[in-house]
Amino acid sequence: MTGETIVFGFCAGVAATVTMDLLASASRRVGLAAGAKGQWVGRWYLGIARGHFVHSNIAVAPEQTGEKRAALVGHYAIGIALAVLYIAGAGWLGVSPDVFLVALGYGFATSVFPWFLVFPALGFGLFGLKGPPELRLFTSSLMNHLSYGFGRTWPPTFHSARSPRPDEPDLVLAALGPFFQNEASRIEMDLVLRTARGRQPLSLEVLLAENKLGRFVWYDLMTTDKEAAQAFYSKVIGWGTMEWNGPTPYTLWTHGPDAPLGGIMDVPDEAKASGAPPHWLAYVSTPDCAATTSKAVELGGKILKEPTEIPGTGTFAVLADPQGAVFAIYQSNVGMPEDAPAEVKQFSWHELATTDCDAAFDFYAKLFGWSQTDEMDMGEAGMYRMYGFEKWPLGGMYNKPAEMPVPAWLYYVRVPDVGAAVERVKAEGGKVLNGPMEVPGGDIIAQCVDPQGVVFALHSSAS
């Protein structure tokens, strides 16, 4: 059981127990149910501490100092413990903890606690049938525990009535951060809570969702001069940086306050040995890194780096498609954000130039489930095939020109104004390979090279 499960269970348990108390209070007001008196349960708790578990009739047992306080503390402690067990169990079984019927069923199941343990111990018999008739113990407990299950589907802890301003601290993250297992999981949960799409907190269902297959989720810059690269991209695109003090020191790119989208590192030794120049490397999500790696090999791809675990964070592998273009896959330990259109300072388009567009498309379609969303005739350059999922395309593929030495991926970053960004590229020592130019639909793009020789692209939306 992870620290995250305990923290989420704590918050969800408090929310569900508050919901149960509110509905129980309303039921008493309208005469639907009554229930055991709180001080009786507190009296029982204090009796247990003194070694007295079973009573013939708790109502006539001697009063104890602090019994109401003991009842309240025990009531919420049990509610929290049950929520932690529920979330951990849902994860183990592979079901979403926020599905209404699942949560309601769990609430009903928790009724066994009063029916078979508390009521007999209080002297009221199984199901509370020997208790005072006016208290309607069986009915009250059933309604209370169903409302507890209902409360698990409406945890205000995980929903925001409004979106925080870009410059506003994320109070949820600030509160939960100290409980996370390590810095790696704190960074990932920051990514999830803020969604890396504008700091909109997600529901618990999204937080615990399995990784989706085929989404671009992370971007690493492999360079020969990290300090110079940080200065260049910070001025051209406006990214910030933050440090991750994990097993290996690592600098993260951020597109907003504490909102990471990738990292920066030296070109790995194995990449240098193979003659790889400085480059951007994108990671595509997978629910099973090992299985996706094996499938890539079956489809004709190659393994450049075997699946490798990042402690407390996830597992990644670096692969090459059958035509030689390099990409990476990533299996997160905590799930990833939902799909959303790219905002300014985020990567918005992923373009593959290859030697056999049809074969490459078939490879990625089988590996990640991508489908063709559109195509465009580029004349002598051939067809430009756009791919992605139902909501929006992720990028495009085409046959590379002869002068391009090897197949490669090119990643576009969205900026407010490509023209102004291109001028910053030139001013900071970079070069412009192509553009600015308008593409069908009115968007503006430009392909550039940073001072260390890494190719990247810029994109501004027409809308």
Protein backbone atom coordinates (compact mmCIF):
# COMPACT_ATOMS: atom_id res chain seq x y z
CA MET A 1 0.00 0.00 0.00
CA THR A 2 1.54 3.30 -1.08
CA GLY A 3 1.66 6.62 0.72
CA GLU A 4 -0.53 8.09 -2.01
CA THR A 5 -3.24 5.49 -1.31
CA ILE A 6 -3.19 6.38 2.39
CA VAL A 7 -3.44 10.11 1.71
CA PHE A 8 -6.23 9.75 -0.84
CA GLY A 9 -8.01 7.30 1.47
CA PHE A 10 -7.76 9.79 4.34
CA CYS A 11 -9.34 12.57 2.28
CA ALA A 12 -11.99 10.30 0.77
CA GLY A 13 -12.81 8.78 4.17
CA VAL A 14 -13.36 12.18 5.74
CA ALA A 15 -15.56 13.25 2.81
CA ALA A 16 -17.62 10.04 2.89
CA THR A 17 -18.05 10.15 6.66
CA VAL A 18 -19.16 13.79 6.55
CA THR A 19 -21.68 12.85 3.85
CA MET A 20 -22.95 9.99 6.01
CA ASP A 21 -23.33 12.29 9.03
CA LEU A 22 -25.18 14.94 7.05
CA LEU A 23 -27.65 12.45 5.60
CA ALA A 24 -28.09 10.75 9.00
CA SER A 25 -28.89 14.10 10.58
CA ALA A 26 -31.44 14.82 7.87
CA SER A 27 -33.01 11.38 8.36
CA ARG A 28 -33.41 11.98 12.08
CA ARG A 29 -35.02 15.35 11.48
CA VAL A 30 -37.71 13.88 9.24
CA GLY A 31 -38.19 10.80 11.41
CA LEU A 32 -36.89 8.20 8.95
CA ALA A 33 -34.26 6.81 11.29
CA ALA A 34 -32.66 7.39 14.65
CA GLY A 35 -29.65 5.16 15.30
CA ALA A 36 -27.52 4.41 18.31
CA LYS A 37 -26.55 7.34 20.47
CA GLY A 38 -23.01 8.52 19.89
CA GLN A 39 -22.07 8.52 23.54
CA TRP A 40 -22.97 4.82 23.77
CA VAL A 41 -20.48 3.98 21.06
CA GLY A 42 -17.88 6.22 22.70
CA ARG A 43 -18.57 4.44 26.00
CA TRP A 44 -17.94 1.14 24.24
CA TYR A 45 -14.63 2.39 22.76
CA LEU A 46 -13.43 3.52 26.19
CA GLY A 47 -14.54 0.21 27.65
CA ILE A 48 -12.45 -1.66 25.09
CA ALA A 49 -9.41 0.34 26.21
CA ARG A 50 -10.06 -1.01 29.70
CA GLY A 51 -10.49 -4.58 28.47
CA HIS A 52 -14.31 -4.63 28.51
CA PHE A 53 -15.51 -5.53 25.01
CA VAL A 54 -19.03 -7.00 25.36
CA HIS A 55 -21.81 -5.33 27.37
CA SER A 56 -25.19 -6.71 28.34
CA ASN A 57 -26.71 -3.27 27.67
CA ILE A 58 -24.48 -0.30 26.94
CA ALA A 59 -27.34 2.10 27.70
CA VAL A 60 -27.19 1.30 31.42
CA ALA A 61 -23.40 1.00 31.66
CA PRO A 62 -21.67 3.70 33.75
CA GLU A 63 -20.91 6.89 31.85
CA GLN A 64 -17.29 7.54 30.97
CA THR A 65 -15.47 10.87 30.82
CA GLY A 66 -14.85 11.90 27.21
CA GLU A 67 -17.16 9.33 25.66
CA LYS A 68 -18.60 11.78 23.11
CA ARG A 69 -15.11 12.78 22.03
CA ALA A 70 -14.09 9.13 21.79
CA ALA A 71 -17.17 8.40 19.66
CA LEU A 72 -16.31 11.20 17.22
CA VAL A 73 -12.64 10.22 16.90
CA GLY A 74 -13.45 6.54 16.48
CA HIS A 75 -16.23 7.27 13.99
CA TYR A 76 -13.91 9.20 11.66
CA ALA A 77 -10.95 6.87 12.20
CA ILE A 78 -13.06 3.92 11.06
CA GLY A 79 -14.42 5.90 8.12
CA ILE A 80 -10.91 6.77 7.00
CA ALA A 81 -9.61 3.21 7.49
CA LEU A 82 -12.47 1.77 5.43
CA ALA A 83 -11.81 4.29 2.64
CA VAL A 84 -8.10 3.41 2.53
CA LEU A 85 -8.96 -0.30 2.30
CA TYR A 86 -11.53 0.47 -0.39
CA ILE A 87 -9.11 2.42 -2.60
CA ALA A 88 -6.34 -0.14 -2.13
CA GLY A 89 -8.75 -2.99 -2.89
CA ALA A 90 -10.16 -1.24 -5.96
CA GLY A 91 -6.64 -0.79 -7.30
CA TRP A 92 -5.79 -4.43 -6.67
CA LEU A 93 -8.98 -5.59 -8.41
CA GLY A 94 -8.49 -3.15 -11.31
CA VAL A 95 -11.79 -1.29 -10.87
CA SER A 96 -12.41 2.44 -10.55
CA PRO A 97 -13.15 3.45 -6.94
CA ASP A 98 -15.52 6.22 -8.09
CA VAL A 99 -18.00 4.03 -10.00
CA PHE A 100 -21.34 4.67 -8.26
CA LEU A 101 -22.56 1.08 -7.96
CA VAL A 102 -19.14 -0.15 -6.81
CA ALA A 103 -18.96 2.52 -4.09
CA LEU A 104 -22.58 1.94 -3.05
CA GLY A 105 -21.95 -1.80 -2.85
CA TYR A 106 -18.94 -1.20 -0.64
CA GLY A 107 -21.05 1.03 1.61
CA PHE A 108 -23.57 -1.80 1.97
CA ALA A 109 -20.74 -4.27 2.71
CA THR A 110 -19.48 -2.08 5.56
CA SER A 111 -22.85 -2.58 7.28
CA VAL A 112 -21.53 -5.91 8.53
CA PHE A 113 -19.39 -3.93 10.97
CA PRO A 114 -22.32 -2.68 13.09
CA TRP A 115 -24.62 -5.65 12.37
CA PHE A 116 -22.23 -8.40 13.42
CA LEU A 117 -19.78 -6.61 15.73
CA VAL A 118 -20.89 -3.32 17.24
CA PHE A 119 -24.55 -4.07 17.99
CA PRO A 120 -23.87 -7.47 19.61
CA ALA A 121 -21.04 -5.92 21.65
CA LEU A 122 -23.37 -3.12 22.81
CA GLY A 123 -25.87 -5.73 23.97
CA PHE A 124 -28.34 -5.11 21.14
CA GLY A 125 -27.94 -8.46 19.33
CA LEU A 126 -27.28 -9.27 15.68
CA PHE A 127 -28.50 -6.55 13.32
CA GLY A 128 -29.46 -4.51 16.41
CA LEU A 129 -32.76 -6.39 16.64
CA LYS A 130 -32.66 -6.45 20.48
CA GLY A 131 -32.04 -2.73 20.74
CA PRO A 132 -34.63 -0.10 21.69
CA PRO A 133 -37.34 -0.32 18.95
CA GLU A 134 -37.62 3.46 18.65
CA LEU A 135 -33.99 3.65 17.50
CA ARG A 136 -34.61 1.40 14.46
CA LEU A 137 -30.95 0.32 14.57
CA PHE A 138 -31.01 -2.00 11.56
CA THR A 139 -32.66 0.55 9.25
CA SER A 140 -30.54 3.41 10.52
CA SER A 141 -27.26 1.57 10.08
CA LEU A 142 -28.21 0.43 6.58
CA MET A 143 -29.10 3.97 5.50
CA ASN A 144 -25.95 5.37 7.10
CA HIS A 145 -23.62 2.94 5.39
CA LEU A 146 -25.28 3.33 2.00
CA SER A 147 -24.83 7.07 2.38
CA TYR A 148 -21.18 6.41 3.26
CA GLY A 149 -20.82 4.58 -0.06
CA PHE A 150 -22.61 7.44 -1.81
CA GLY A 151 -20.18 9.85 -0.19
CA ARG A 152 -17.31 7.95 -1.81
CA THR A 153 -18.62 9.03 -5.24
CA TRP A 154 -18.69 12.68 -4.26
CA PRO A 155 -15.38 13.50 -2.59
CA PRO A 156 -15.08 17.31 -2.46
CA THR A 157 -11.40 16.81 -1.67
CA PHE A 158 -10.77 15.88 -5.29
CA HIS A 159 -12.99 18.38 -7.09
CA SER A 160 -12.52 22.07 -7.52
CA ALA A 161 -15.36 24.54 -7.77
CA ARG A 162 -13.14 26.71 -9.90
CA SER A 163 -9.85 26.58 -11.77
CA PRO A 164 -6.94 28.14 -9.87
CA ARG A 165 -5.23 31.11 -11.42
CA PRO A 166 -1.94 30.34 -13.20
CA ASP A 167 0.00 32.12 -10.45
CA GLU A 168 -1.93 30.57 -7.58
CA PRO A 169 -0.31 27.79 -5.49
CA ASP A 170 -1.92 24.39 -5.81
CA LEU A 171 -3.20 23.93 -2.26
CA VAL A 172 -4.10 20.28 -2.79
CA LEU A 173 -0.56 19.47 -3.90
CA ALA A 174 0.92 21.54 -1.10
CA ALA A 175 -1.14 19.66 1.45
CA LEU A 176 -0.52 16.19 0.06
CA GLY A 177 3.09 16.58 -1.05
CA PRO A 178 4.80 15.68 2.25
CA PHE A 179 3.03 12.31 2.33
CA PHE A 180 4.27 11.08 -1.04
CA GLN A 181 6.86 8.34 -1.07
CA ASN A 182 9.58 10.36 -2.76
CA GLU A 183 10.29 13.33 -4.97
CA ALA A 184 9.61 11.31 -8.11
CA SER A 185 6.03 10.58 -7.12
CA ARG A 186 5.52 14.18 -5.98
CA ILE A 187 6.54 15.42 -9.43
CA GLU A 188 4.28 12.92 -11.16
CA MET A 189 1.34 13.75 -8.93
CA ASP A 190 1.95 17.43 -9.63
CA LEU A 191 1.72 16.56 -13.30
CA VAL A 192 -1.52 14.70 -12.69
CA LEU A 193 -3.15 17.19 -10.33
CA ARG A 194 -2.35 20.10 -12.61
CA THR A 195 -2.78 17.83 -15.68
CA ALA A 196 0.07 19.67 -17.37
CA ARG A 197 -2.80 21.31 -19.24
CA GLY A 198 -3.45 24.42 -17.20
CA ARG A 199 -3.49 23.32 -13.54
CA GLN A 200 -7.05 21.96 -13.50
CA PRO A 201 -7.29 19.42 -10.64
CA LEU A 202 -8.55 16.00 -11.69
CA SER A 203 -11.03 13.67 -10.06
CA LEU A 204 -9.85 10.65 -8.09
CA GLU A 205 -11.11 8.44 -10.92
CA VAL A 206 -8.63 10.08 -13.30
CA LEU A 207 -5.84 9.99 -10.74
CA LEU A 208 -6.19 6.25 -10.34
CA ALA A 209 -6.99 5.47 -13.97
CA GLU A 210 -4.78 3.08 -15.89
CA ASN A 211 -2.30 4.52 -18.35
CA LYS A 212 -3.76 5.06 -21.77
CA LEU A 213 -1.88 3.71 -24.77
CA GLY A 214 -0.47 5.97 -27.45
CA ARG A 215 -0.39 9.45 -25.86
CA PHE A 216 2.69 11.68 -26.02
CA VAL A 217 3.33 12.40 -22.35
CA TRP A 218 6.95 13.51 -21.84
CA TYR A 219 9.80 15.15 -23.79
CA ASP A 220 13.52 14.97 -23.04
CA LEU A 221 16.14 17.20 -24.60
CA MET A 222 19.44 15.33 -25.04
CA THR A 223 22.05 18.03 -25.48
CA THR A 224 25.76 18.81 -25.24
CA ASP A 225 25.37 22.01 -23.17
CA LYS A 226 22.53 21.98 -20.66
CA GLU A 227 23.08 25.50 -19.32
CA ALA A 228 23.13 27.04 -22.80
CA ALA A 229 20.07 25.03 -23.84
CA GLN A 230 18.15 26.15 -20.76
CA ALA A 231 18.92 29.78 -21.51
CA PHE A 232 17.93 29.38 -25.18
CA TYR A 233 14.55 27.68 -24.71
CA SER A 234 13.66 29.84 -21.72
CA LYS A 235 14.01 32.94 -23.88
CA VAL A 236 12.57 31.54 -27.11
CA ILE A 237 9.56 29.65 -25.68
CA GLY A 238 9.29 30.93 -22.13
CA TRP A 239 9.82 27.63 -20.32
CA GLY A 240 10.98 27.54 -16.74
CA THR A 241 12.98 24.80 -15.02
CA MET A 242 12.86 22.94 -11.73
CA GLU A 243 15.17 20.35 -10.21
CA TRP A 244 14.26 16.74 -9.46
CA ASN A 245 16.46 15.33 -6.72
CA GLY A 246 15.86 11.68 -7.52
CA PRO A 247 18.36 8.83 -7.85
CA THR A 248 19.94 10.75 -10.74
CA PRO A 249 19.82 14.57 -10.67
CA TYR A 250 17.51 15.76 -13.42
CA THR A 251 16.31 19.18 -14.58
CA LEU A 252 12.69 19.49 -15.66
CA TRP A 253 11.16 21.85 -18.19
CA THR A 254 8.04 23.59 -16.89
CA HIS A 255 5.35 25.34 -18.95
CA GLY A 256 3.80 27.00 -15.90
CA PRO A 257 4.36 27.29 -12.15
CA ASP A 258 5.60 23.84 -11.09
CA ALA A 259 3.97 22.23 -14.17
CA PRO A 260 6.57 19.97 -15.84
CA LEU A 261 6.36 18.69 -19.42
CA GLY A 262 9.82 17.17 -19.94
CA GLY A 263 13.44 17.25 -18.97
CA ILE A 264 16.94 18.11 -20.09
CA MET A 265 20.06 15.95 -19.85
CA ASP A 266 23.40 15.25 -21.45
CA VAL A 267 23.36 12.95 -24.46
CA PRO A 268 23.60 9.46 -22.88
CA ASP A 269 26.87 7.59 -23.39
CA GLU A 270 25.15 4.75 -25.28
CA ALA A 271 23.62 7.29 -27.66
CA LYS A 272 26.99 8.94 -28.20
CA ALA A 273 28.55 5.55 -28.90
CA SER A 274 26.01 4.93 -31.64
CA GLY A 275 26.73 8.31 -33.20
CA ALA A 276 23.46 9.97 -32.17
CA PRO A 277 23.58 13.79 -32.31
CA PRO A 278 21.83 16.01 -29.75
CA HIS A 279 18.07 15.59 -30.14
CA TRP A 280 14.60 15.73 -28.63
CA LEU A 281 13.13 12.39 -27.50
CA ALA A 282 9.39 12.01 -26.91
CA TYR A 283 7.79 9.36 -24.70
CA VAL A 284 4.54 7.67 -25.66
CA SER A 285 2.37 6.25 -22.87
CA THR A 286 1.74 2.55 -22.40
CA PRO A 287 0.05 0.53 -19.65
CA ASP A 288 2.72 -2.18 -20.00
CA CYS A 289 6.23 -1.15 -21.02
CA ALA A 290 7.55 -4.71 -21.36
CA ALA A 291 4.62 -5.86 -23.51
CA THR A 292 4.81 -2.83 -25.80
CA THR A 293 8.56 -3.34 -26.18
CA SER A 294 8.04 -6.96 -27.18
CA LYS A 295 5.31 -6.01 -29.63
CA ALA A 296 7.55 -3.36 -31.22
CA VAL A 297 10.19 -6.03 -31.86
CA GLU A 298 7.55 -8.38 -33.33
CA LEU A 299 6.53 -5.58 -35.70
CA GLY A 300 10.10 -5.07 -36.88
CA GLY A 301 11.33 -2.42 -34.45
CA LYS A 302 14.55 -2.47 -32.42
CA ILE A 303 15.33 -2.03 -28.75
CA LEU A 304 17.87 0.72 -28.08
CA LYS A 305 17.39 0.66 -24.30
CA GLU A 306 15.65 -2.19 -22.53
CA PRO A 307 12.72 -1.40 -20.20
CA THR A 308 14.24 0.40 -17.24
CA GLU A 309 12.54 1.27 -13.97
CA ILE A 310 12.73 4.76 -12.48
CA PRO A 311 12.23 4.06 -8.74
CA GLY A 312 8.90 5.35 -7.50
CA THR A 313 7.96 6.82 -10.87
CA GLY A 314 7.59 4.38 -13.75
CA THR A 315 9.31 2.33 -16.45
CA PHE A 316 10.63 3.47 -19.84
CA ALA A 317 12.30 2.01 -22.91
CA VAL A 318 13.90 3.54 -26.00
CA LEU A 319 13.02 1.98 -29.34
CA ALA A 320 13.51 2.46 -33.07
CA ASP A 321 10.83 1.80 -35.68
CA PRO A 322 11.58 -0.46 -38.69
CA GLN A 323 12.77 2.56 -40.72
CA GLY A 324 15.12 3.72 -37.94
CA ALA A 325 13.28 6.66 -36.30
CA VAL A 326 13.88 6.73 -32.54
CA PHE A 327 11.12 7.15 -29.93
CA ALA A 328 10.52 6.15 -26.31
CA ILE A 329 7.68 4.60 -24.35
CA TYR A 330 6.71 5.22 -20.74
CA GLN A 331 4.62 3.31 -18.20
CA SER A 332 3.69 5.56 -15.29
CA ASN A 333 3.09 4.24 -11.79
CA VAL A 334 0.31 6.75 -11.11
CA GLY A 335 -1.59 7.20 -14.38
CA MET A 336 -1.41 10.13 -16.73
CA PRO A 337 -3.52 13.22 -17.46
CA GLU A 338 -6.57 13.07 -19.67
CA ASP A 339 -6.25 14.16 -23.28
CA ALA A 340 -6.60 17.88 -23.89
CA PRO A 341 -5.65 20.34 -26.65
CA ALA A 342 -2.13 21.72 -26.26
CA GLU A 343 -1.82 25.09 -24.58
CA VAL A 344 0.84 27.71 -25.31
CA LYS A 345 4.31 26.42 -24.29
CA GLN A 346 3.24 22.79 -24.72
CA PHE A 347 4.09 20.39 -27.54
CA SER A 348 1.24 20.45 -30.03
CA TRP A 349 2.31 18.35 -33.05
CA HIS A 350 4.48 15.25 -33.57
CA GLU A 351 5.79 14.73 -37.09
CA LEU A 352 7.60 11.74 -38.54
CA ALA A 353 9.72 11.99 -41.68
CA THR A 354 10.49 8.46 -42.85
CA THR A 355 11.58 6.34 -45.81
CA ASP A 356 8.31 4.41 -46.08
CA CYS A 357 5.30 6.31 -44.78
CA ASP A 358 2.83 3.49 -45.36
CA ALA A 359 4.96 0.92 -43.53
CA ALA A 360 5.71 3.34 -40.69
CA PHE A 361 2.04 4.19 -40.31
CA ASP A 362 1.15 0.50 -40.15
CA PHE A 363 3.82 -0.08 -37.47
CA TYR A 364 2.60 2.70 -35.18
CA ALA A 365 -1.07 1.94 -35.78
CA LYS A 366 -0.54 -1.64 -34.59
CA LEU A 367 1.73 -0.60 -31.72
CA PHE A 368 -0.26 2.33 -30.30
CA GLY A 369 -3.71 2.05 -31.84
CA TRP A 370 -3.34 5.26 -33.87
CA SER A 371 -5.67 5.73 -36.82
CA GLN A 372 -5.58 8.09 -39.78
CA THR A 373 -7.49 11.28 -39.04
CA ASP A 374 -6.87 13.05 -42.35
CA GLU A 375 -4.41 13.32 -45.22
CA MET A 376 -3.05 16.04 -47.47
CA ASP A 377 -1.55 15.83 -50.94
CA MET A 378 1.81 17.65 -50.99
CA GLY A 379 2.34 17.18 -54.72
CA GLU A 380 5.78 15.83 -55.60
CA ALA A 381 6.50 15.33 -51.88
CA GLY A 382 3.68 12.80 -51.69
CA MET A 383 0.90 12.39 -49.14
CA TYR A 384 0.99 13.77 -45.64
CA ARG A 385 -0.90 11.36 -43.35
CA MET A 386 -2.30 12.73 -40.09
CA TYR A 387 -2.83 10.30 -37.21
CA GLY A 388 -4.27 10.23 -33.73
CA PHE A 389 -7.49 9.30 -31.98
CA GLU A 390 -11.10 10.41 -32.32
CA LYS A 391 -10.94 13.81 -30.62
CA TRP A 392 -8.01 15.40 -32.42
CA PRO A 393 -4.88 14.46 -34.39
CA LEU A 394 -1.53 13.99 -32.67
CA GLY A 395 0.66 14.70 -35.68
CA GLY A 396 1.56 13.65 -39.21
CA MET A 397 3.81 11.33 -41.23
CA TYR A 398 5.37 11.69 -44.67
CA ASN A 399 8.21 10.39 -46.80
CA LYS A 400 11.37 12.36 -46.10
CA PRO A 401 13.17 14.26 -48.86
CA ALA A 402 16.39 12.75 -50.23
CA GLU A 403 18.57 15.42 -48.61
CA MET A 404 17.37 14.44 -45.14
CA PRO A 405 19.94 11.89 -43.90
CA VAL A 406 17.84 9.59 -41.68
CA PRO A 407 14.22 9.11 -40.60
CA ALA A 408 13.42 11.19 -37.54
CA TRP A 409 10.69 12.67 -35.39
CA LEU A 410 10.16 16.44 -35.19
CA TYR A 411 8.21 18.02 -32.32
CA TYR A 412 6.33 21.32 -32.54
CA VAL A 413 5.88 23.66 -29.56
CA ARG A 414 2.91 25.98 -29.51
CA VAL A 415 3.78 29.68 -29.11
CA PRO A 416 1.58 32.80 -29.29
CA ASP A 417 3.36 34.19 -32.36
CA VAL A 418 5.71 32.14 -34.53
CA GLY A 419 7.09 35.27 -36.21
CA ALA A 420 8.18 36.78 -32.92
CA ALA A 421 9.54 33.44 -31.70
CA VAL A 422 11.62 33.03 -34.87
CA GLU A 423 13.26 36.38 -34.22
CA ARG A 424 14.16 35.20 -30.70
CA VAL A 425 15.63 32.01 -32.19
CA LYS A 426 17.94 34.10 -34.35
CA ALA A 427 18.83 36.48 -31.54
CA GLU A 428 19.78 33.63 -29.20
CA GLY A 429 22.10 31.88 -31.66
CA GLY A 430 19.71 29.41 -33.28
CA LYS A 431 18.89 28.99 -36.97
CA VAL A 432 15.67 28.86 -38.97
CA LEU A 433 15.47 25.97 -41.44
CA ASN A 434 12.05 26.74 -42.88
CA GLY A 435 9.32 29.33 -42.34
CA PRO A 436 7.47 31.00 -40.90
CA MET A 437 4.86 29.61 -43.25
CA GLU A 438 1.09 29.15 -43.22
CA VAL A 439 -0.35 25.64 -43.43
CA PRO A 440 -3.87 24.59 -44.40
CA GLY A 441 -6.26 25.81 -41.71
CA GLY A 442 -4.36 29.05 -41.13
CA ASP A 443 -1.83 27.93 -38.51
CA ILE A 444 1.75 29.18 -38.77
CA ILE A 445 4.80 26.93 -38.38
CA ALA A 446 8.58 27.17 -38.58
CA GLN A 447 11.36 24.57 -38.30
CA CYS A 448 14.46 25.63 -36.37
CA VAL A 449 17.79 24.45 -34.92
CA ASP A 450 19.02 25.40 -31.46
CA PRO A 451 22.67 26.44 -30.84
CA GLN A 452 23.65 22.83 -29.98
CA GLY A 453 22.25 21.51 -33.28
CA VAL A 454 18.91 20.11 -32.05
CA VAL A 455 16.07 20.41 -34.54
CA PHE A 456 12.68 21.56 -33.20
CA ALA A 457 9.66 23.36 -34.56
CA LEU A 458 7.30 26.17 -33.61
CA HIS A 459 3.53 26.39 -34.12
CA SER A 460 0.98 29.12 -33.53
CA SER A 461 -2.74 28.50 -33.88
CA ALA A 462 -5.00 30.46 -36.18
CA SER A 463 -7.75 30.47 -33.53
